Amino acid sequence: MHELTEAIQVAGALIGGGAGVGGAGAGVGAIGGSMCEATARQPELINVIRTQFFLAAAIIEGFTFLLLVLVMIVLIRNG
């Protein structure tokens, strides 16, 4: 029974990690598309738009990195 519990934890970590990384990629892609649209509408604000894009992308990637660390902890613990 203990082996089944470990297998379920590992499967959950892998599925959750994959979904989280996919969601982060989709989020950064959506932000990038919005940045292109905003730049096309108001090219004079490119510096502000670019700064906001990189800030949002960095926050998303930071949370994604933490998610992957959590997945690695679960995988190593269930080894």
PDB file of N, CA and C in Angstrom:
ATOM      1  N   MET A   1       0.819  -1.194   0.000  1.00  0.00           N
ATOM      2  CA  MET A   1       0.000   0.000   0.000  1.00  0.00           C
ATOM      3  C   MET A   1       0.864   1.259   0.000  1.00  0.00           C
ATOM      4  N   HIS A   2       2.005   1.188   0.710  1.00  0.00           N
ATOM      5  CA  HIS A   2       2.901   2.331   0.788  1.00  0.00           C
ATOM      6  C   HIS A   2       3.474   2.667  -0.589  1.00  0.00           C
ATOM      7  N   GLU A   3       3.770   1.637  -1.389  1.00  0.00           N
ATOM      8  CA  GLU A   3       4.305   1.851  -2.728  1.00  0.00           C
ATOM      9  C   GLU A   3       3.283   2.534  -3.624  1.00  0.00           C
ATOM     10  N   LEU A   4       2.024   2.179  -3.469  1.00  0.00           N
ATOM     11  CA  LEU A   4       0.965   2.810  -4.247  1.00  0.00           C
ATOM     12  C   LEU A   4       0.851   4.290  -3.899  1.00  0.00           C
ATOM     13  N   THR A   5       0.949   4.610  -2.624  1.00  0.00           N
ATOM     14  CA  THR A   5       0.881   6.008  -2.196  1.00  0.00           C
ATOM     15  C   THR A   5       2.037   6.807  -2.782  1.00  0.00           C
ATOM     16  N   GLU A   6       3.236   6.244  -2.763  1.00  0.00           N
ATOM     17  CA  GLU A   6       4.396   6.921  -3.340  1.00  0.00           C
ATOM     18  C   GLU A   6       4.222   7.110  -4.841  1.00  0.00           C
ATOM     19  N   ALA A   7       3.691   6.105  -5.520  1.00  0.00           N
ATOM     20  CA  ALA A   7       3.479   6.207  -6.964  1.00  0.00           C
ATOM     21  C   ALA A   7       2.467   7.298  -7.286  1.00  0.00           C
ATOM     22  N   ILE A   8       1.422   7.404  -6.492  1.00  0.00           N
ATOM     23  CA  ILE A   8       0.419   8.444  -6.713  1.00  0.00           C
ATOM     24  C   ILE A   8       1.017   9.823  -6.460  1.00  0.00           C
ATOM     25  N   GLN A   9       1.857   9.955  -5.432  1.00  0.00           N
ATOM     26  CA  GLN A   9       2.502  11.237  -5.155  1.00  0.00           C
ATOM     27  C   GLN A   9       3.426  11.644  -6.293  1.00  0.00           C
ATOM     28  N   VAL A  10       4.195  10.700  -6.808  1.00  0.00           N
ATOM     29  CA  VAL A  10       5.102  10.992  -7.917  1.00  0.00           C
ATOM     30  C   VAL A  10       4.309  11.372  -9.160  1.00  0.00           C
ATOM     31  N   ALA A  11       3.261  10.621  -9.464  1.00  0.00           N
ATOM     32  CA  ALA A  11       2.436  10.935 -10.634  1.00  0.00           C
ATOM     33  C   ALA A  11       1.800  12.312 -10.492  1.00  0.00           C
ATOM     34  N   GLY A  12       1.298  12.616  -9.310  1.00  0.00           N
ATOM     35  CA  GLY A  12       0.702  13.931  -9.082  1.00  0.00           C
ATOM     36  C   GLY A  12       1.710  15.051  -9.231  1.00  0.00           C
ATOM     37  N   ALA A  13       2.925  14.837  -8.728  1.00  0.00           N
ATOM     38  CA  ALA A  13       3.968  15.855  -8.858  1.00  0.00           C
ATOM     39  C   ALA A  13       4.333  16.083 -10.320  1.00  0.00           C
ATOM     40  N   LEU A  14       4.466  14.999 -11.074  1.00  0.00           N
ATOM     41  CA  LEU A  14       4.832  15.135 -12.485  1.00  0.00           C
ATOM     42  C   LEU A  14       3.721  15.784 -13.307  1.00  0.00           C
ATOM     43  N   ILE A  15       2.496  15.369 -13.073  1.00  0.00           N
ATOM     44  CA  ILE A  15       1.369  15.955 -13.810  1.00  0.00           C
ATOM     45  C   ILE A  15       1.199  17.421 -13.432  1.00  0.00           C
ATOM     46  N   GLY A  16       1.257  17.712 -12.137  1.00  0.00           N
ATOM     47  CA  GLY A  16       1.128  19.098 -11.690  1.00  0.00           C
ATOM     48  C   GLY A  16       2.262  19.972 -12.193  1.00  0.00           C
ATOM     49  N   GLY A  17       3.479  19.433 -12.179  1.00  0.00           N
ATOM     50  CA  GLY A  17       4.618  20.194 -12.690  1.00  0.00           C
ATOM     51  C   GLY A  17       4.491  20.480 -14.175  1.00  0.00           C
ATOM     52  N   GLY A  18       4.072  19.475 -14.925  1.00  0.00           N
ATOM     53  CA  GLY A  18       3.881  19.678 -16.365  1.00  0.00           C
ATOM     54  C   GLY A  18       2.799  20.690 -16.671  1.00  0.00           C
ATOM     55  N   ALA A  19       1.702  20.606 -15.937  1.00  0.00           N
ATOM     56  CA  ALA A  19       0.615  21.572 -16.141  1.00  0.00           C
ATOM     57  C   ALA A  19       1.058  22.980 -15.749  1.00  0.00           C
ATOM     58  N   GLY A  20       1.829  23.076 -14.676  1.00  0.00           N
ATOM     59  CA  GLY A  20       2.308  24.395 -14.243  1.00  0.00           C
ATOM     60  C   GLY A  20       3.253  25.026 -15.246  1.00  0.00           C
ATOM     61  N   VAL A  21       4.160  24.230 -15.786  1.00  0.00           N
ATOM     62  CA  VAL A  21       5.099  24.751 -16.777  1.00  0.00           C
ATOM     63  C   VAL A  21       4.358  25.130 -18.059  1.00  0.00           C
ATOM     64  N   GLY A  22       3.398  24.309 -18.460  1.00  0.00           N
ATOM     65  CA  GLY A  22       2.599  24.642 -19.643  1.00  0.00           C
ATOM     66  C   GLY A  22       1.798  25.912 -19.449  1.00  0.00           C
ATOM     67  N   GLY A  23       1.225  26.069 -18.269  1.00  0.00           N
ATOM     68  CA  GLY A  23       0.474  27.286 -17.966  1.00  0.00           C
ATOM     69  C   GLY A  23       1.361  28.512 -17.953  1.00  0.00           C
ATOM     70  N   ALA A  24       2.568  28.367 -17.430  1.00  0.00           N
ATOM     71  CA  ALA A  24       3.501  29.497 -17.417  1.00  0.00           C
ATOM     72  C   ALA A  24       3.890  29.886 -18.840  1.00  0.00           C
ATOM     73  N   GLY A  25       4.128  28.892 -19.678  1.00  0.00           N
ATOM     74  CA  GLY A  25       4.455  29.186 -21.074  1.00  0.00           C
ATOM     75  C   GLY A  25       3.321  29.888 -21.792  1.00  0.00           C
ATOM     76  N   ALA A  26       2.107  29.430 -21.548  1.00  0.00           N
ATOM     77  CA  ALA A  26       0.944  30.078 -22.160  1.00  0.00           C
ATOM     78  C   ALA A  26       0.778  31.501 -21.636  1.00  0.00           C
ATOM     79  N   GLY A  27       1.043  31.700 -20.351  1.00  0.00           N
ATOM     80  CA  GLY A  27       0.922  33.034 -19.766  1.00  0.00           C
ATOM     81  C   GLY A  27       1.933  34.008 -20.338  1.00  0.00           C
ATOM     82  N   VAL A  28       3.184  33.576 -20.455  1.00  0.00           N
ATOM     83  CA  VAL A  28       4.211  34.451 -21.027  1.00  0.00           C
ATOM     84  C   VAL A  28       3.901  34.726 -22.497  1.00  0.00           C
ATOM     85  N   GLY A  29       3.396  33.731 -23.204  1.00  0.00           N
ATOM     86  CA  GLY A  29       3.008  33.948 -24.599  1.00  0.00           C
ATOM     87  C   GLY A  29       1.881  34.950 -24.737  1.00  0.00           C
ATOM     88  N   ALA A  30       0.895  34.861 -23.845  1.00  0.00           N
ATOM     89  CA  ALA A  30      -0.214  35.821 -23.878  1.00  0.00           C
ATOM     90  C   ALA A  30       0.271  37.227 -23.555  1.00  0.00           C
ATOM     91  N   ILE A  31       1.174  37.331 -22.595  1.00  0.00           N
ATOM     92  CA  ILE A  31       1.722  38.647 -22.258  1.00  0.00           C
ATOM     93  C   ILE A  31       2.522  39.204 -23.432  1.00  0.00           C
ATOM     94  N   GLY A  32       3.296  38.338 -24.095  1.00  0.00           N
ATOM     95  CA  GLY A  32       4.060  38.780 -25.261  1.00  0.00           C
ATOM     96  C   GLY A  32       3.161  39.268 -26.385  1.00  0.00           C
ATOM     97  N   GLY A  33       2.059  38.571 -26.617  1.00  0.00           N
ATOM     98  CA  GLY A  33       1.106  39.020 -27.633  1.00  0.00           C
ATOM     99  C   GLY A  33       0.484  40.353 -27.284  1.00  0.00           C
ATOM    100  N   SER A  34       0.149  40.524 -26.019  1.00  0.00           N
ATOM    101  CA  SER A  34      -0.416  41.803 -25.578  1.00  0.00           C
ATOM    102  C   SER A  34       0.610  42.920 -25.701  1.00  0.00           C
ATOM    103  N   MET A  35       1.872  42.589 -25.457  1.00  0.00           N
ATOM    104  CA  MET A  35       2.924  43.591 -25.601  1.00  0.00           C
ATOM    105  C   MET A  35       3.036  44.046 -27.055  1.00  0.00           C
ATOM    106  N   CYS A  36       2.960  43.100 -27.983  1.00  0.00           N
ATOM    107  CA  CYS A  36       3.017  43.456 -29.405  1.00  0.00           C
ATOM    108  C   CYS A  36       1.842  44.343 -29.800  1.00  0.00           C
ATOM    109  N   GLU A  37       0.651  44.009 -29.320  1.00  0.00           N
ATOM    110  CA  GLU A  37      -0.525  44.824 -29.631  1.00  0.00           C
ATOM    111  C   GLU A  37      -0.406  46.224 -29.042  1.00  0.00           C
ATOM    112  N   ALA A  38       0.057  46.306 -27.800  1.00  0.00           N
ATOM    113  CA  ALA A  38       0.194  47.612 -27.152  1.00  0.00           C
ATOM    114  C   ALA A  38       1.251  48.460 -27.848  1.00  0.00           C
ATOM    115  N   THR A  39       2.332  47.833 -28.290  1.00  0.00           N
ATOM    116  CA  THR A  39       3.383  48.564 -28.993  1.00  0.00           C
ATOM    117  C   THR A  39       2.891  49.053 -30.348  1.00  0.00           C
ATOM    118  N   ALA A  40       2.061  48.260 -31.009  1.00  0.00           N
ATOM    119  CA  ALA A  40       1.514  48.685 -32.297  1.00  0.00           C
ATOM    120  C   ALA A  40       0.567  49.870 -32.132  1.00  0.00           C
ATOM    121  N   ARG A  41      -0.180  49.892 -31.019  1.00  0.00           N
ATOM    122  CA  ARG A  41      -1.104  51.003 -30.779  1.00  0.00           C
ATOM    123  C   ARG A  41      -0.381  52.277 -30.380  1.00  0.00           C
ATOM    124  N   GLN A  42       0.615  52.139 -29.479  1.00  0.00           N
ATOM    125  CA  GLN A  42       1.316  53.316 -28.958  1.00  0.00           C
ATOM    126  C   GLN A  42       2.827  53.069 -28.966  1.00  0.00           C
ATOM    127  N   PRO A  43       3.458  53.236 -30.113  1.00  0.00           N
ATOM    128  CA  PRO A  43       4.894  52.943 -30.210  1.00  0.00           C
ATOM    129  C   PRO A  43       5.767  53.834 -29.323  1.00  0.00           C
ATOM    130  N   GLU A  44       5.269  55.000 -28.953  1.00  0.00           N
ATOM    131  CA  GLU A  44       6.074  55.904 -28.121  1.00  0.00           C
ATOM    132  C   GLU A  44       6.234  55.389 -26.687  1.00  0.00           C
ATOM    133  N   LEU A  45       5.421  54.432 -26.281  1.00  0.00           N
ATOM    134  CA  LEU A  45       5.493  53.884 -24.925  1.00  0.00           C
ATOM    135  C   LEU A  45       6.251  52.553 -24.861  1.00  0.00           C
ATOM    136  N   ILE A  46       7.090  52.285 -25.859  1.00  0.00           N
ATOM    137  CA  ILE A  46       7.759  50.987 -25.932  1.00  0.00           C
ATOM    138  C   ILE A  46       8.597  50.693 -24.692  1.00  0.00           C
ATOM    139  N   ASN A  47       9.270  51.707 -24.139  1.00  0.00           N
ATOM    140  CA  ASN A  47      10.122  51.457 -22.968  1.00  0.00           C
ATOM    141  C   ASN A  47       9.304  51.044 -21.751  1.00  0.00           C
ATOM    142  N   VAL A  48       8.172  51.689 -21.528  1.00  0.00           N
ATOM    143  CA  VAL A  48       7.303  51.347 -20.399  1.00  0.00           C
ATOM    144  C   VAL A  48       6.699  49.962 -20.607  1.00  0.00           C
ATOM    145  N   ILE A  49       6.234  49.698 -21.814  1.00  0.00           N
ATOM    146  CA  ILE A  49       5.609  48.406 -22.124  1.00  0.00           C
ATOM    147  C   ILE A  49       6.622  47.273 -21.966  1.00  0.00           C
ATOM    148  N   ARG A  50       7.835  47.491 -22.474  1.00  0.00           N
ATOM    149  CA  ARG A  50       8.876  46.464 -22.381  1.00  0.00           C
ATOM    150  C   ARG A  50       9.238  46.182 -20.923  1.00  0.00           C
ATOM    151  N   THR A  51       9.345  47.231 -20.115  1.00  0.00           N
ATOM    152  CA  THR A  51       9.666  47.049 -18.697  1.00  0.00           C
ATOM    153  C   THR A  51       8.587  46.242 -17.991  1.00  0.00           C
ATOM    154  N   GLN A  52       7.334  46.571 -18.254  1.00  0.00           N
ATOM    155  CA  GLN A  52       6.236  45.834 -17.627  1.00  0.00           C
ATOM    156  C   GLN A  52       6.200  44.381 -18.096  1.00  0.00           C
ATOM    157  N   PHE A  53       6.513  44.159 -19.373  1.00  0.00           N
ATOM    158  CA  PHE A  53       6.547  42.788 -19.891  1.00  0.00           C
ATOM    159  C   PHE A  53       7.607  41.961 -19.174  1.00  0.00           C
ATOM    160  N   PHE A  54       8.822  42.498 -19.082  1.00  0.00           N
ATOM    161  CA  PHE A  54       9.897  41.740 -18.448  1.00  0.00           C
ATOM    162  C   PHE A  54       9.632  41.510 -16.968  1.00  0.00           C
ATOM    163  N   LEU A  55       9.016  42.470 -16.300  1.00  0.00           N
ATOM    164  CA  LEU A  55       8.681  42.292 -14.890  1.00  0.00           C
ATOM    165  C   LEU A  55       7.658  41.167 -14.718  1.00  0.00           C
ATOM    166  N   ALA A  56       6.605  41.189 -15.525  1.00  0.00           N
ATOM    167  CA  ALA A  56       5.582  40.144 -15.434  1.00  0.00           C
ATOM    168  C   ALA A  56       6.155  38.777 -15.809  1.00  0.00           C
ATOM    169  N   ALA A  57       6.967  38.728 -16.859  1.00  0.00           N
ATOM    170  CA  ALA A  57       7.561  37.455 -17.273  1.00  0.00           C
ATOM    171  C   ALA A  57       8.502  36.913 -16.199  1.00  0.00           C
ATOM    172  N   ALA A  58       9.250  37.792 -15.552  1.00  0.00           N
ATOM    173  CA  ALA A  58      10.164  37.351 -14.493  1.00  0.00           C
ATOM    174  C   ALA A  58       9.396  36.789 -13.300  1.00  0.00           C
ATOM    175  N   ILE A  59       8.290  37.413 -12.943  1.00  0.00           N
ATOM    176  CA  ILE A  59       7.475  36.908 -11.831  1.00  0.00           C
ATOM    177  C   ILE A  59       6.909  35.532 -12.172  1.00  0.00           C
ATOM    178  N   ILE A  60       6.400  35.381 -13.389  1.00  0.00           N
ATOM    179  CA  ILE A  60       5.851  34.088 -13.811  1.00  0.00           C
ATOM    180  C   ILE A  60       6.939  33.018 -13.809  1.00  0.00           C
ATOM    181  N   GLU A  61       8.100  33.344 -14.353  1.00  0.00           N
ATOM    182  CA  GLU A  61       9.185  32.365 -14.400  1.00  0.00           C
ATOM    183  C   GLU A  61       9.712  32.040 -13.005  1.00  0.00           C
ATOM    184  N   GLY A  62       9.681  33.012 -12.106  1.00  0.00           N
ATOM    185  CA  GLY A  62      10.092  32.749 -10.725  1.00  0.00           C
ATOM    186  C   GLY A  62       9.189  31.738 -10.050  1.00  0.00           C
ATOM    187  N   PHE A  63       7.889  31.915 -10.214  1.00  0.00           N
ATOM    188  CA  PHE A  63       6.953  30.947  -9.640  1.00  0.00           C
ATOM    189  C   PHE A  63       7.093  29.579 -10.308  1.00  0.00           C
ATOM    190  N   THR A  64       7.387  29.569 -11.595  1.00  0.00           N
ATOM    191  CA  THR A  64       7.594  28.301 -12.296  1.00  0.00           C
ATOM    192  C   THR A  64       8.826  27.582 -11.747  1.00  0.00           C
ATOM    193  N   PHE A  65       9.881  28.337 -11.484  1.00  0.00           N
ATOM    194  CA  PHE A  65      11.084  27.740 -10.903  1.00  0.00           C
ATOM    195  C   PHE A  65      10.782  27.141  -9.530  1.00  0.00           C
ATOM    196  N   LEU A  66      10.018  27.861  -8.709  1.00  0.00           N
ATOM    197  CA  LEU A  66       9.645  27.331  -7.397  1.00  0.00           C
ATOM    198  C   LEU A  66       8.812  26.059  -7.531  1.00  0.00           C
ATOM    199  N   LEU A  67       7.928  26.029  -8.521  1.00  0.00           N
ATOM    200  CA  LEU A  67       7.135  24.827  -8.776  1.00  0.00           C
ATOM    201  C   LEU A  67       8.035  23.647  -9.119  1.00  0.00           C
ATOM    202  N   LEU A  68       9.017  23.876  -9.977  1.00  0.00           N
ATOM    203  CA  LEU A  68       9.914  22.785 -10.359  1.00  0.00           C
ATOM    204  C   LEU A  68      10.765  22.317  -9.182  1.00  0.00           C
ATOM    205  N   VAL A  69      11.155  23.236  -8.306  1.00  0.00           N
ATOM    206  CA  VAL A  69      11.890  22.843  -7.098  1.00  0.00           C
ATOM    207  C   VAL A  69      11.004  21.965  -6.221  1.00  0.00           C
ATOM    208  N   LEU A  70       9.745  22.342  -6.078  1.00  0.00           N
ATOM    209  CA  LEU A  70       8.814  21.542  -5.281  1.00  0.00           C
ATOM    210  C   LEU A  70       8.632  20.149  -5.883  1.00  0.00           C
ATOM    211  N   VAL A  71       8.517  20.072  -7.193  1.00  0.00           N
ATOM    212  CA  VAL A  71       8.394  18.771  -7.863  1.00  0.00           C
ATOM    213  C   VAL A  71       9.646  17.931  -7.610  1.00  0.00           C
ATOM    214  N   MET A  72      10.814  18.548  -7.707  1.00  0.00           N
ATOM    215  CA  MET A  72      12.054  17.806  -7.460  1.00  0.00           C
ATOM    216  C   MET A  72      12.129  17.310  -6.016  1.00  0.00           C
ATOM    217  N   ILE A  73      11.664  18.114  -5.067  1.00  0.00           N
ATOM    218  CA  ILE A  73      11.662  17.680  -3.668  1.00  0.00           C
ATOM    219  C   ILE A  73      10.776  16.449  -3.495  1.00  0.00           C
ATOM    220  N   VAL A  74       9.592  16.477  -4.105  1.00  0.00           N
ATOM    221  CA  VAL A  74       8.688  15.325  -4.001  1.00  0.00           C
ATOM    222  C   VAL A  74       9.318  14.095  -4.650  1.00  0.00           C
ATOM    223  N   LEU A  75       9.945  14.280  -5.807  1.00  0.00           N
ATOM    224  CA  LEU A  75      10.549  13.140  -6.497  1.00  0.00           C
ATOM    225  C   LEU A  75      11.740  12.574  -5.729  1.00  0.00           C
ATOM    226  N   ILE A  76      12.559  13.437  -5.176  1.00  0.00           N
ATOM    227  CA  ILE A  76      13.727  12.962  -4.424  1.00  0.00           C
ATOM    228  C   ILE A  76      13.289  12.275  -3.134  1.00  0.00           C
ATOM    229  N   ARG A  77      12.288  12.852  -2.471  1.00  0.00           N
ATOM    230  CA  ARG A  77      11.817  12.269  -1.216  1.00  0.00           C
ATOM    231  C   ARG A  77      11.226  10.873  -1.423  1.00  0.00           C
ATOM    232  N   ASN A  78      10.565  10.679  -2.569  1.00  0.00           N
ATOM    233  CA  ASN A  78       9.940   9.379  -2.839  1.00  0.00           C
ATOM    234  C   ASN A  78      10.840   8.459  -3.657  1.00  0.00           C
ATOM    235  N   GLY A  79      12.031   8.905  -3.907  1.00  0.00           N
ATOM    236  CA  GLY A  79      13.059   8.287  -4.594  1.00  0.00           C
ATOM    237  C   GLY A  79      13.183   7.065  -5.240  1.00  0.00           C
TER     238      GLY A  79
END
